[in-house]
């Protein structure tokens, strides 16, 4: 397919939305007429501003606050980390001068993200399968109550903003699975469609943790959490005097299910530990995993044009929300202010046929599959926070004990 028309100015949100609607709208969950931006603007400039204003003082105390928004401690950096606009090592270093308790707590969250990437790199798509334990549910799960202020507000945040604090992600996942017995994989797919930071690695690991995989102890969502983290929702709820989640959900401790060992044939692995060059690239191929200016392949070839392919078969199957496509378009539009950017739509191998490219390894199965059909003349390592080196992946705590980073 010929290159798509040039992207509009990243600061013109309406024009970016119109561009996505015209050229990618048929692939979006909402269709061409339903494309809307989410609550984060994409692009390196937006990511740099978010990092420059990062302040984690008080994070240990307020990271789980939901409402009011002014008291939230969550940093909202996750969409930029997810798409490689900010690397975990970069964010790790940015909080070096924070109060010690807040620095330790925040860096622990960064390490959780790194653990999720290690697990996904080791197991690939198999991360969706190790759940052999499902928490027990009532024979007849309770009806899903649409009038609850907490879940209806949460849904509006998810679908409108494309971002949730971790606390509300846990609420929804527990309500979906532990209380109602719904398949966690369907819930995870639903999150993935909407979240601007949607990551199979972190998303799947979070949902599995909620239902008790790895610990045997499912996370229960009830009114207590809402009253503690967002009390105004309970006060405004039409069901405040007949709350359907007043008590703990009916779920008992189950058997512990160990996580995957360090690597299987299905996972992409850690990738190269140094650049591997076999020819002269004519372009830099960027993927959705790594769209920042500091992408190693991009930085190594400052004079080469950039090519990005909206993977049509993949997007048609995923049916992502349009706000995710807008975020990606904003990232590319921002980059186009500094580099020549060729945006395409189609099958990756076909769109890059005949072009030798430089690329940065991505620790996801999709990169391994697609790069096999591409002439990668210069492959660069992924910027790990902790490079995988046979650490135990049976649980986060076991893995954390086996790695060392100065906190």
Protein backbone atom coordinates (compact mmCIF):
# COMPACT_ATOMS: atom_id res chain seq x y z
CA UNK A 1 0.00 0.00 0.00
CA UNK A 2 1.35 3.50 -0.75
CA UNK A 3 2.42 5.64 2.17
CA UNK A 4 -0.38 7.31 4.07
CA UNK A 5 -0.69 11.11 3.70
CA UNK A 6 1.55 13.21 5.95
CA UNK A 7 0.48 13.52 9.55
CA UNK A 8 -0.94 16.87 10.69
CA UNK A 9 0.58 19.13 13.33
CA UNK A 10 0.69 17.27 16.64
CA UNK A 11 -0.73 20.33 18.42
CA UNK A 12 -3.89 20.22 16.26
CA UNK A 13 -5.78 17.46 18.05
CA UNK A 14 -8.82 17.81 15.83
CA UNK A 15 -6.72 17.34 12.71
CA UNK A 16 -4.99 14.26 14.17
CA UNK A 17 -8.37 12.76 15.07
CA UNK A 18 -9.64 13.48 11.54
CA UNK A 19 -6.52 11.84 10.03
CA UNK A 20 -7.01 8.71 12.13
CA UNK A 21 -10.73 8.61 11.30
CA UNK A 22 -10.06 8.81 7.58
CA UNK A 23 -7.12 6.43 7.31
CA UNK A 24 -7.58 4.01 10.22
CA UNK A 25 -11.14 4.46 11.42
CA UNK A 26 -12.38 1.21 9.91
CA UNK A 27 -9.92 -0.66 12.15
CA UNK A 28 -11.05 1.04 15.38
CA UNK A 29 -13.51 -0.27 17.94
CA UNK A 30 -15.77 2.76 17.55
CA UNK A 31 -15.56 3.04 13.75
CA UNK A 32 -14.57 6.17 11.79
CA UNK A 33 -17.26 8.40 13.30
CA UNK A 34 -16.46 7.53 16.90
CA UNK A 35 -12.77 8.41 17.07
CA UNK A 36 -11.87 10.53 20.09
CA UNK A 37 -8.59 11.40 21.85
CA UNK A 38 -7.83 9.97 25.27
CA UNK A 39 -6.58 11.70 28.37
CA UNK A 40 -2.89 11.75 27.37
CA UNK A 41 -1.32 13.45 24.37
CA UNK A 42 1.17 11.27 22.56
CA UNK A 43 4.64 12.31 21.50
CA UNK A 44 8.13 12.91 22.84
CA UNK A 45 7.41 16.51 23.79
CA UNK A 46 4.49 15.45 25.98
CA UNK A 47 6.55 12.65 27.52
CA UNK A 48 9.48 14.98 28.23
CA UNK A 49 7.18 17.50 29.90
CA UNK A 50 5.64 14.77 32.06
CA UNK A 51 9.09 13.59 33.15
CA UNK A 52 10.36 17.12 33.78
CA UNK A 53 7.46 17.80 36.14
CA UNK A 54 7.58 14.39 37.85
CA UNK A 55 7.37 14.71 41.62
CA UNK A 56 6.94 11.53 43.67
CA UNK A 57 7.05 13.20 47.08
CA UNK A 58 4.17 11.61 48.99
CA UNK A 59 3.87 8.75 46.49
CA UNK A 60 4.08 6.00 49.11
CA UNK A 61 1.07 7.49 50.90
CA UNK A 62 -1.08 8.64 47.98
CA UNK A 63 -0.39 6.28 45.05
CA UNK A 64 -3.65 4.39 45.67
CA UNK A 65 -5.85 7.47 46.09
CA UNK A 66 -8.61 7.51 43.47
CA UNK A 67 -10.63 10.65 44.23
CA UNK A 68 -10.33 13.54 44.40
CA UNK A 69 -7.96 13.65 41.45
CA UNK A 70 -5.99 16.48 43.04
CA UNK A 71 -4.81 14.08 45.76
CA UNK A 72 -3.74 11.26 43.47
CA UNK A 73 -0.13 10.21 43.77
CA UNK A 74 -0.07 8.21 40.54
CA UNK A 75 2.35 9.78 38.06
CA UNK A 76 0.47 9.06 34.78
CA UNK A 77 3.73 8.24 33.01
CA UNK A 78 2.67 4.73 32.04
CA UNK A 79 1.52 5.43 28.43
CA UNK A 80 4.90 7.01 27.69
CA UNK A 81 6.78 4.12 29.25
CA UNK A 82 4.59 1.60 27.44
CA UNK A 83 5.45 3.03 24.02
CA UNK A 84 9.14 3.68 24.65
CA UNK A 85 8.94 7.47 24.83
CA UNK A 86 10.42 7.12 28.30
CA UNK A 87 12.56 4.14 29.27
CA UNK A 88 12.45 2.50 32.68
CA UNK A 89 16.15 3.33 33.29
CA UNK A 90 15.43 6.98 32.49
CA UNK A 91 12.47 7.16 34.88
CA UNK A 92 14.41 5.25 37.53
CA UNK A 93 17.14 7.87 37.44
CA UNK A 94 14.69 10.78 37.48
CA UNK A 95 13.52 10.04 41.04
CA UNK A 96 16.97 9.66 42.57
CA UNK A 97 16.55 12.75 44.76
CA UNK A 98 13.02 11.93 45.99
CA UNK A 99 12.34 11.21 49.68
CA UNK A 100 13.66 7.74 50.43
CA UNK A 101 10.35 6.01 51.22
CA UNK A 102 8.68 7.47 48.14
CA UNK A 103 11.68 6.68 45.95
CA UNK A 104 11.74 3.06 47.12
CA UNK A 105 8.00 2.62 46.63
CA UNK A 106 8.02 4.18 43.18
CA UNK A 107 11.05 2.25 42.03
CA UNK A 108 9.39 -0.93 43.24
CA UNK A 109 6.56 -0.20 40.80
CA UNK A 110 9.11 0.26 38.02
CA UNK A 111 10.60 -3.09 38.93
CA UNK A 112 7.16 -4.69 38.75
CA UNK A 113 6.87 -3.40 35.19
CA UNK A 114 10.29 -4.82 34.41
CA UNK A 115 9.33 -8.18 35.93
CA UNK A 116 6.24 -8.27 33.69
CA UNK A 117 8.46 -7.68 30.65
CA UNK A 118 10.85 -10.43 31.76
CA UNK A 119 7.97 -12.85 32.21
CA UNK A 120 6.49 -11.99 28.81
CA UNK A 121 9.91 -12.22 27.15
CA UNK A 122 10.32 -15.66 28.68
CA UNK A 123 6.86 -17.07 28.02
CA UNK A 124 5.35 -14.97 25.24
CA UNK A 125 1.71 -15.73 24.57
CA UNK A 126 1.90 -18.52 27.15
CA UNK A 127 1.50 -15.82 29.82
CA UNK A 128 -2.23 -16.15 29.09
CA UNK A 129 -2.27 -19.85 29.89
CA UNK A 130 -0.58 -20.74 33.20
CA UNK A 131 -3.79 -20.08 35.13
CA UNK A 132 -4.82 -23.54 36.24
CA UNK A 133 -6.46 -22.13 39.37
CA UNK A 134 -9.75 -20.25 39.35
CA UNK A 135 -11.17 -18.95 42.63
CA UNK A 136 -14.46 -20.61 43.62
CA UNK A 137 -17.61 -18.68 42.78
CA UNK A 138 -21.24 -18.97 43.82
CA UNK A 139 -23.22 -21.46 41.75
CA UNK A 140 -25.25 -18.51 40.44
CA UNK A 141 -23.01 -15.41 40.24
CA UNK A 142 -24.75 -12.17 41.27
CA UNK A 143 -26.23 -10.01 38.55
CA UNK A 144 -24.03 -7.23 37.24
CA UNK A 145 -25.40 -4.00 38.70
CA UNK A 146 -25.19 -1.10 36.24
CA UNK A 147 -26.25 1.57 38.76
CA UNK A 148 -23.21 1.33 41.04
CA UNK A 149 -21.49 4.72 41.07
CA UNK A 150 -18.03 3.20 41.50
CA UNK A 151 -18.10 0.86 38.52
CA UNK A 152 -20.03 3.21 36.22
CA UNK A 153 -17.57 6.01 36.98
CA UNK A 154 -14.66 3.62 36.47
CA UNK A 155 -16.04 2.57 33.11
CA UNK A 156 -16.37 6.18 31.99
CA UNK A 157 -12.71 6.78 32.93
CA UNK A 158 -11.59 3.70 31.02
CA UNK A 159 -13.56 4.41 27.86
CA UNK A 160 -13.13 8.18 27.90
CA UNK A 161 -9.62 8.74 29.22
CA UNK A 162 -7.98 5.41 28.42
CA UNK A 163 -6.18 5.43 31.75
CA UNK A 164 -6.94 4.25 35.30
CA UNK A 165 -5.03 4.36 38.55
CA UNK A 166 -3.84 0.91 39.58
CA UNK A 167 -6.34 0.72 42.44
CA UNK A 168 -9.35 0.96 40.13
CA UNK A 169 -7.85 -1.56 37.71
CA UNK A 170 -7.81 -4.00 40.59
CA UNK A 171 -11.39 -3.13 41.51
CA UNK A 172 -12.66 -3.85 38.02
CA UNK A 173 -10.65 -7.03 37.55
CA UNK A 174 -11.83 -8.41 40.89
CA UNK A 175 -15.45 -7.44 40.24
CA UNK A 176 -15.26 -9.11 36.82
CA UNK A 177 -13.61 -12.35 37.93
CA UNK A 178 -13.69 -13.02 41.66
CA UNK A 179 -17.25 -11.86 42.26
CA UNK A 180 -18.88 -12.67 38.92
CA UNK A 181 -16.82 -15.57 37.62
CA UNK A 182 -16.17 -14.06 34.20
CA UNK A 183 -13.20 -15.23 32.15
CA UNK A 184 -10.23 -13.05 33.12
CA UNK A 185 -8.87 -13.20 29.59
CA UNK A 186 -11.98 -11.50 28.21
CA UNK A 187 -11.62 -8.77 30.83
CA UNK A 188 -7.95 -8.35 30.02
CA UNK A 189 -8.79 -8.02 26.32
CA UNK A 190 -11.33 -5.34 27.21
CA UNK A 191 -8.71 -3.38 29.15
CA UNK A 192 -6.19 -3.81 26.35
CA UNK A 193 -8.57 -2.28 23.81
CA UNK A 194 -8.99 0.90 25.84
CA UNK A 195 -5.89 1.57 27.96
CA UNK A 196 -3.34 3.91 26.40
CA UNK A 197 -0.72 1.99 28.35
CA UNK A 198 -2.25 -1.34 27.33
CA UNK A 199 0.50 -3.94 27.56
CA UNK A 200 0.03 -7.67 27.32
CA UNK A 201 2.90 -8.11 29.77
CA UNK A 202 1.70 -5.85 32.60
CA UNK A 203 -2.00 -6.22 31.83
CA UNK A 204 -2.04 -10.01 31.91
CA UNK A 205 0.16 -10.20 34.97
CA UNK A 206 -2.15 -7.79 36.83
CA UNK A 207 -5.29 -9.73 35.99
CA UNK A 208 -3.67 -13.01 36.98
CA UNK A 209 -2.54 -11.54 40.28
CA UNK A 210 -6.11 -10.38 40.97
CA UNK A 211 -7.56 -13.88 40.60
CA UNK A 212 -4.83 -15.42 42.73
CA UNK A 213 -2.40 -16.95 40.28
CA UNK A 214 1.00 -17.17 41.92
CA UNK A 215 -0.37 -16.55 45.42
CA UNK A 216 -3.54 -18.62 45.68
CA UNK A 217 -5.21 -15.59 47.28
CA UNK A 218 -7.67 -13.67 45.06
CA UNK A 219 -8.09 -9.95 45.57
CA UNK A 220 -11.58 -9.09 46.78
CA UNK A 221 -13.30 -5.84 45.82
CA UNK A 222 -15.96 -4.47 48.16
CA UNK A 223 -17.44 -1.20 49.37
CA UNK A 224 -14.63 -0.82 51.91
CA UNK A 225 -12.08 0.02 49.21
CA UNK A 226 -14.32 2.64 47.62
CA UNK A 227 -15.08 4.36 50.91
CA UNK A 228 -11.37 4.47 51.67
CA UNK A 229 -10.08 5.59 48.24
CA UNK A 230 -13.01 7.49 46.70
CA UNK A 231 -15.67 8.15 49.37
CA UNK A 232 -17.62 10.63 47.27
CA UNK A 233 -18.62 7.80 44.93
CA UNK A 234 -20.39 5.97 47.75
CA UNK A 235 -22.06 9.17 48.94
CA UNK A 236 -23.44 9.88 45.45
CA UNK A 237 -24.42 6.30 44.62
CA UNK A 238 -28.14 5.56 44.09
CA UNK A 239 -27.46 2.17 45.70
CA UNK A 240 -25.66 3.50 48.79
CA UNK A 241 -28.36 2.02 51.05
CA UNK A 242 -28.47 -1.29 49.18
CA UNK A 243 -24.88 -1.78 48.07
CA UNK A 244 -24.36 -4.95 45.97
CA UNK A 245 -20.71 -5.11 47.05
CA UNK A 246 -21.19 -4.34 50.71
CA UNK A 247 -19.42 -7.51 51.82
CA UNK A 248 -16.41 -9.50 50.71
CA UNK A 249 -16.91 -11.60 47.54
CA UNK A 250 -17.39 -15.33 47.96
CA UNK A 251 -13.91 -16.56 47.11
CA UNK A 252 -11.65 -18.78 49.16
CA UNK A 253 -7.90 -19.19 49.11
CA UNK A 254 -6.94 -21.61 46.37
CA UNK A 255 -3.81 -23.58 45.54
CA UNK A 256 -0.74 -21.57 44.65
CA UNK A 257 0.11 -21.64 40.95
CA UNK A 258 3.77 -21.01 40.24
CA UNK A 259 4.72 -18.68 37.44
CA UNK A 260 6.72 -19.68 34.42
CA UNK A 261 10.34 -20.72 34.60
CA UNK A 262 12.95 -18.47 33.07
CA UNK A 263 12.15 -18.84 29.40
CA UNK A 264 10.28 -21.16 27.11
CA UNK A 265 10.37 -21.78 23.39
CA UNK A 266 7.37 -19.46 22.96
CA UNK A 267 9.02 -16.32 24.31
CA UNK A 268 11.22 -13.90 22.33
CA UNK A 269 13.90 -13.84 25.02
CA UNK A 270 16.10 -10.93 26.01
CA UNK A 271 17.37 -10.11 22.54
CA UNK A 272 20.92 -9.04 21.66
CA UNK A 273 23.16 -7.47 24.27
CA UNK A 274 25.01 -5.39 21.66
CA UNK A 275 24.16 -3.99 18.20
CA UNK A 276 24.25 -6.63 15.48
CA UNK A 277 24.92 -5.28 11.99
CA UNK A 278 24.83 -7.32 8.81
CA UNK A 279 24.43 -4.60 6.20
CA UNK A 280 23.67 -0.96 5.53
CA UNK A 281 20.14 0.07 6.51
CA UNK A 282 18.18 2.47 4.35
CA UNK A 283 15.60 3.36 7.01
CA UNK A 284 14.83 2.98 10.69
CA UNK A 285 11.82 0.77 11.40
CA UNK A 286 9.98 1.86 14.54
CA UNK A 287 7.43 -0.30 16.33
CA UNK A 288 4.73 0.64 18.83
CA UNK A 289 7.00 -0.66 21.59
CA UNK A 290 9.62 2.03 21.00
CA UNK A 291 8.57 5.38 19.54
CA UNK A 292 10.82 7.77 21.43
CA UNK A 293 13.72 9.87 20.24
CA UNK A 294 16.05 7.73 22.37
CA UNK A 295 15.09 4.53 20.54
CA UNK A 296 18.54 2.94 20.09
CA UNK A 297 18.20 2.33 16.36
CA UNK A 298 16.80 5.81 15.79
CA UNK A 299 19.60 7.43 17.78
CA UNK A 300 22.25 5.40 15.96
CA UNK A 301 21.04 6.57 12.53
CA UNK A 302 20.14 10.27 12.83
CA UNK A 303 20.18 10.83 9.07
CA UNK A 304 17.96 7.94 7.98
CA UNK A 305 14.23 8.24 7.29
CA UNK A 306 11.82 6.51 9.65
CA UNK A 307 9.11 4.04 8.67
CA UNK A 308 6.19 2.91 10.82
CA UNK A 309 3.57 0.39 9.73
CA UNK A 310 0.08 0.25 11.18
CA UNK A 311 -0.24 -3.54 11.11
CA UNK A 312 -3.61 -3.92 9.39
CA UNK A 313 -4.29 -7.62 10.07
CA UNK A 314 -3.33 -7.23 13.73
CA UNK A 315 -5.37 -4.07 14.26
CA UNK A 316 -8.37 -5.58 12.50
CA UNK A 317 -8.29 -8.50 14.92
CA UNK A 318 -7.66 -6.41 18.05
CA UNK A 319 -10.23 -3.67 17.36
CA UNK A 320 -8.44 -1.19 19.58
CA UNK A 321 -10.23 1.92 20.70
CA UNK A 322 -9.62 4.89 18.42
CA UNK A 323 -7.98 6.80 21.27
CA UNK A 324 -5.09 4.33 21.18
CA UNK A 325 -4.65 4.92 17.45
CA UNK A 326 -4.78 8.69 18.03
CA UNK A 327 -2.06 8.40 20.68
CA UNK A 328 0.19 6.52 18.25
CA UNK A 329 -0.52 9.07 15.52
CA UNK A 330 0.43 11.91 17.87
CA UNK A 331 3.71 10.16 18.66
CA UNK A 332 4.50 9.89 14.95
CA UNK A 333 3.36 13.46 14.23
CA UNK A 334 5.63 14.74 16.97
CA UNK A 335 8.57 12.77 15.59
CA UNK A 336 7.84 14.06 12.09
CA UNK A 337 8.77 17.55 13.29
CA UNK A 338 12.40 16.34 13.57
CA UNK A 339 12.72 13.36 11.22
CA UNK A 340 11.38 12.20 7.88
CA UNK A 341 8.58 9.80 8.81
CA UNK A 342 6.91 7.42 6.37
CA UNK A 343 3.67 6.01 7.80
CA UNK A 344 2.16 2.95 6.14
CA UNK A 345 -0.78 0.60 6.63
CA UNK A 346 -0.72 -3.07 5.68
CA UNK A 347 1.25 -6.22 6.44
CA UNK A 348 4.60 -5.34 7.94
CA UNK A 349 6.65 -7.73 5.82
CA UNK A 350 5.01 -6.56 2.60
CA UNK A 351 5.30 -2.85 3.43
CA UNK A 352 9.01 -3.17 4.25
CA UNK A 353 9.85 -5.56 1.43
CA UNK A 354 13.07 -4.59 -0.35
CA UNK A 355 14.13 -2.12 2.33
CA UNK A 356 17.01 -2.91 4.66
CA UNK A 357 16.19 -1.42 8.06
CA UNK A 358 17.71 -0.67 11.43
CA UNK A 359 15.48 -1.65 14.33
CA UNK A 360 15.43 -1.98 18.09
CA UNK A 361 14.62 -5.40 19.48
CA UNK A 362 11.30 -5.51 21.35
CA UNK A 363 10.71 -8.23 23.98
CA UNK A 364 7.30 -9.21 22.63
CA UNK A 365 6.36 -12.19 20.43
CA UNK A 366 5.00 -9.94 17.69
CA UNK A 367 8.39 -8.39 17.02
CA UNK A 368 10.03 -11.78 16.66
CA UNK A 369 7.39 -12.94 14.17
CA UNK A 370 7.31 -9.78 12.09
CA UNK A 371 11.04 -9.14 12.01
CA UNK A 372 11.53 -12.60 10.52
CA UNK A 373 9.85 -11.26 7.36
CA UNK A 374 11.89 -8.05 7.32
CA UNK A 375 15.48 -7.40 6.23
CA UNK A 376 16.89 -6.15 9.54
CA UNK A 377 20.42 -4.97 8.69
CA UNK A 378 21.14 -3.43 12.09
CA UNK A 379 19.48 -4.75 15.25
CA UNK A 380 19.88 -2.86 18.54
CA UNK A 381 19.35 -4.11 22.11
CA UNK A 382 16.27 -3.33 24.16
CA UNK A 383 17.00 -0.81 26.99
CA UNK A 384 16.36 -3.14 29.93
CA UNK A 385 16.32 -1.84 33.47
CA UNK A 386 17.67 -5.25 34.49
CA UNK A 387 18.79 -7.45 31.63
CA UNK A 388 17.33 -11.00 31.85
CA UNK A 389 20.04 -13.39 32.91
CA UNK A 390 18.37 -16.54 34.14
CA UNK A 391 16.66 -14.95 37.14
CA UNK A 392 13.85 -16.94 38.76
CA UNK A 393 10.45 -15.92 37.41
CA UNK A 394 8.32 -18.03 39.73
CA UNK A 395 7.09 -14.89 41.49
CA UNK A 396 7.85 -11.19 41.67
CA UNK A 397 9.31 -11.47 45.17
CA UNK A 398 11.62 -14.34 44.17
CA UNK A 399 12.74 -12.46 41.06
CA UNK A 400 13.28 -9.24 43.01
CA UNK A 401 15.58 -11.00 45.45
CA UNK A 402 17.67 -12.25 42.55
CA UNK A 403 18.35 -8.89 40.95
CA UNK A 404 20.16 -5.89 42.30
CA UNK A 405 19.72 -2.23 41.53
CA UNK A 406 20.84 0.47 43.89
CA UNK A 407 17.77 2.09 45.43
